[in-house]
Amino acid sequence: MTQHASLSVERWASFSLDQQVLMIANEMNRAGKLLGPQDEPRRRTAYERVLNLTDLTVRVHARATLRRELLRWRDLVAQLYVALQGDPARHAAALRCLLRFTPAASEQLRHLGI
């Protein structure tokens, strides 16, 4: 069973958008440590978790503009997911973009050095 598979929409909705974005970013950070060829199965699993959490976030927010941008961002992660090789530059760009969704998440950029 995939991690977060039992996470309900109601439970996810109880977190603020800042918390949701930071939890998604945490999974992205995990995936970013798995960019070598030998890490492909674990990297894909990490990206699956990112996609699942992003889907939950889209489901719990009513603002059309936020949903649209989250879905556009999700497409970036989907491309990373299907890629045959890890791409550190594209991964870092996607993580930077995600962290810019909220002011609280943006503060993490300086700590990650990306």
Protein backbone atom coordinates (compact mmCIF):
# COMPACT_ATOMS: atom_id res chain seq x y z
CA MET A 1 0.00 0.00 0.00
CA THR A 2 1.27 3.44 -0.91
CA GLN A 3 2.08 5.85 1.87
CA HIS A 4 -0.76 8.39 2.23
CA ALA A 5 -3.18 5.99 0.52
CA SER A 6 -5.42 6.00 3.57
CA LEU A 7 -5.30 9.78 3.96
CA SER A 8 -8.86 11.03 3.67
CA VAL A 9 -9.97 14.17 1.91
CA GLU A 10 -11.42 15.38 5.21
CA ARG A 11 -8.11 14.89 7.04
CA TRP A 12 -6.16 16.61 4.25
CA ALA A 13 -8.64 19.51 4.28
CA SER A 14 -7.90 20.02 7.98
CA PHE A 15 -4.41 21.24 7.07
CA SER A 16 -3.80 24.79 5.88
CA LEU A 17 -2.64 25.38 2.31
CA ASP A 18 0.79 26.27 3.71
CA GLN A 19 0.97 22.91 5.48
CA GLN A 20 -0.25 21.04 2.41
CA VAL A 21 2.32 22.67 0.16
CA LEU A 22 5.09 21.99 2.67
CA MET A 23 4.09 18.32 2.96
CA ILE A 24 4.12 17.99 -0.83
CA ALA A 25 7.51 19.71 -0.85
CA ASN A 26 8.77 17.22 1.72
CA GLU A 27 7.91 14.38 -0.66
CA MET A 28 9.58 16.28 -3.51
CA ASN A 29 12.67 16.65 -1.34
CA ARG A 30 12.70 12.87 -0.83
CA ALA A 31 12.38 12.30 -4.57
CA GLY A 32 15.23 14.74 -5.17
CA LYS A 33 17.57 12.47 -3.24
CA LEU A 34 16.75 9.58 -5.56
CA LEU A 35 17.88 10.86 -8.94
CA GLY A 36 20.45 8.19 -9.79
CA PRO A 37 19.71 5.39 -12.27
CA GLN A 38 19.69 2.79 -9.48
CA ASP A 39 17.03 4.80 -7.63
CA GLU A 40 14.40 4.70 -10.38
CA PRO A 41 11.80 2.52 -8.58
CA ARG A 42 12.02 4.49 -5.34
CA ARG A 43 12.02 7.81 -7.22
CA ARG A 44 8.83 6.83 -9.06
CA THR A 45 7.19 5.88 -5.76
CA ALA A 46 8.15 9.25 -4.27
CA TYR A 47 6.71 11.07 -7.28
CA GLU A 48 3.53 8.98 -6.94
CA ARG A 49 3.17 10.29 -3.39
CA VAL A 50 3.69 13.84 -4.68
CA LEU A 51 1.00 13.33 -7.32
CA ASN A 52 -1.43 11.83 -4.80
CA LEU A 53 -0.97 14.69 -2.33
CA THR A 54 -1.33 17.23 -5.13
CA ASP A 55 -4.57 15.54 -6.23
CA LEU A 56 -5.88 15.77 -2.66
CA THR A 57 -4.97 19.45 -2.53
CA VAL A 58 -6.82 20.13 -5.77
CA ARG A 59 -9.87 18.31 -4.41
CA VAL A 60 -10.07 20.30 -1.17
CA HIS A 61 -9.67 23.82 -2.56
CA ALA A 62 -12.50 25.62 -4.30
CA ARG A 63 -10.52 28.56 -5.74
CA ALA A 64 -10.40 27.95 -9.48
CA THR A 65 -7.14 29.86 -9.96
CA LEU A 66 -5.36 27.84 -7.28
CA ARG A 67 -6.69 24.57 -8.68
CA ARG A 68 -5.62 25.54 -12.20
CA GLU A 69 -2.07 26.37 -11.09
CA LEU A 70 -1.80 23.22 -8.98
CA LEU A 71 -2.87 21.13 -11.96
CA ARG A 72 -0.34 22.89 -14.18
CA TRP A 73 2.34 22.18 -11.57
CA ARG A 74 1.15 18.58 -11.36
CA ASP A 75 1.92 18.21 -15.07
CA LEU A 76 5.58 19.08 -14.32
CA VAL A 77 5.75 16.30 -11.74
CA ALA A 78 3.99 13.87 -14.07
CA GLN A 79 6.73 14.51 -16.63
CA LEU A 80 9.36 13.77 -13.99
CA TYR A 81 7.47 10.62 -13.03
CA VAL A 82 7.46 9.15 -16.55
CA ALA A 83 11.05 10.19 -17.35
CA LEU A 84 13.43 7.28 -17.74
CA GLN A 85 16.19 9.13 -15.88
CA GLY A 86 16.26 11.50 -12.95
CA ASP A 87 16.70 15.12 -13.98
CA PRO A 88 18.13 17.21 -11.11
CA ALA A 89 17.62 20.54 -12.89
CA ARG A 90 13.99 19.91 -13.78
CA HIS A 91 13.31 18.49 -10.34
CA ALA A 92 14.80 21.57 -8.63
CA ALA A 93 12.80 23.87 -10.92
CA ALA A 94 9.56 22.05 -10.07
CA LEU A 95 10.32 22.20 -6.34
CA ARG A 96 11.11 25.93 -6.56
CA CYS A 97 7.82 26.51 -8.34
CA LEU A 98 5.88 24.55 -5.71
CA LEU A 99 7.47 26.46 -2.85
CA ARG A 100 6.36 29.73 -4.41
CA PHE A 101 2.69 28.82 -4.00
CA THR A 102 2.51 30.32 -0.52
CA PRO A 103 4.57 32.88 1.42
CA ALA A 104 5.32 30.40 4.22
CA ALA A 105 6.53 27.79 1.75
CA SER A 106 8.61 30.39 -0.10
CA GLU A 107 10.64 30.91 3.06
CA GLN A 108 12.01 27.40 2.63
CA LEU A 109 13.79 28.29 -0.62
CA ARG A 110 16.72 29.87 1.17
CA HIS A 111 17.13 26.80 3.40
CA LEU A 112 17.21 24.42 0.45
CA GLY A 113 19.65 26.47 -1.59
CA ILE A 114 17.65 26.07 -4.79
